[in-house]
Protein backbone atom coordinates (compact mmCIF):
# COMPACT_ATOMS: atom_id res chain seq x y z
CA MET A 1 -113.42 4.47 35.78
CA LYS A 2 -111.68 4.01 38.50
CA VAL A 3 -111.48 6.94 41.05
CA GLN A 4 -109.41 8.10 44.18
CA LEU A 5 -110.83 9.79 46.83
CA SER A 6 -109.07 11.99 49.52
CA ILE A 7 -110.93 12.19 52.76
CA GLU A 8 -109.91 11.62 56.23
CA GLU A 9 -111.79 9.09 58.26
CA VAL A 10 -113.02 11.08 61.17
CA PRO A 11 -115.91 9.90 63.63
CA GLU A 12 -117.79 13.31 62.95
CA ILE A 13 -117.34 15.97 60.35
CA LYS A 14 -118.76 19.41 61.43
CA PHE A 15 -120.42 20.81 58.08
CA GLY A 16 -120.32 24.61 58.94
CA ASN A 17 -121.51 27.01 56.31
CA LYS A 18 -119.61 25.49 53.64
CA GLY A 19 -119.07 21.81 54.56
CA PRO A 20 -116.29 19.46 53.65
CA LEU A 21 -114.74 19.14 50.38
CA ILE A 22 -113.92 15.87 48.75
CA ARG A 23 -111.16 16.07 45.75
CA ILE A 24 -111.96 13.07 43.15
CA ARG A 25 -109.03 11.90 41.16
CA ASP A 26 -108.70 8.87 38.45
CA GLU A 27 -106.47 5.86 38.83
CA HIS A 28 -103.55 7.91 37.09
CA GLY A 29 -104.30 10.83 39.83
CA LYS A 30 -105.78 13.17 37.17
CA ASN A 31 -108.14 15.52 38.75
CA VAL A 32 -111.90 14.47 38.04
CA GLY A 33 -113.44 16.80 40.35
CA LYS A 34 -114.55 18.47 43.68
CA LEU A 35 -117.69 17.58 45.78
CA ARG A 36 -118.51 19.76 48.52
CA ILE A 37 -121.44 18.77 50.76
CA GLY A 38 -122.69 21.50 52.97
CA GLN A 39 -125.77 21.58 55.14
CA ALA A 40 -128.62 22.73 52.43
CA THR A 41 -126.42 22.12 49.31
CA VAL A 42 -124.46 19.80 47.41
CA ARG A 43 -121.75 21.32 44.87
CA TRP A 44 -120.06 19.57 42.01
CA ALA A 45 -117.01 21.28 40.25
CA LYS A 46 -115.91 18.82 37.36
CA GLY A 47 -112.41 18.92 36.44
CA SER A 48 -110.66 22.26 36.64
CA THR A 49 -113.90 24.23 37.19
CA PRO A 50 -113.81 27.07 39.64
CA GLU A 51 -115.69 26.23 42.63
CA ARG A 52 -117.73 29.47 42.17
CA ASN A 53 -119.19 27.86 39.06
CA ALA A 54 -119.93 24.64 40.28
CA LYS A 55 -123.40 22.95 39.78
CA THR A 56 -125.71 23.22 42.81
CA VAL A 57 -128.25 20.98 44.08
CA SER A 58 -130.30 20.88 47.33
CA VAL A 59 -129.43 17.99 49.89
CA GLU A 60 -132.94 16.83 49.36
CA LYS A 61 -132.41 16.61 45.76
CA PHE A 62 -129.20 14.99 46.11
CA VAL A 63 -130.30 12.24 48.57
CA GLU A 64 -133.60 11.81 46.08
CA TYR A 65 -130.87 11.24 43.14
CA LEU A 66 -129.01 8.70 45.07
CA ASP A 67 -132.26 6.83 46.43
CA ASN A 68 -133.35 6.56 42.51
CA LEU A 69 -129.98 4.71 41.42
């Protein structure tokens, strides 16, 4: 699947408490989900799932997962 990411190129992102929100869409513009990367956690809300119901994992576990790809 091809996806479109909407994120601004900035030299530095200040995470604050919540962190930046990345919206991911497929090649037709349909919403795939939202990814929020915070200081301590990464949250994934698939499709139209409200962010309050997002799956949450620690940043350490997320990096470990990426390292194992």
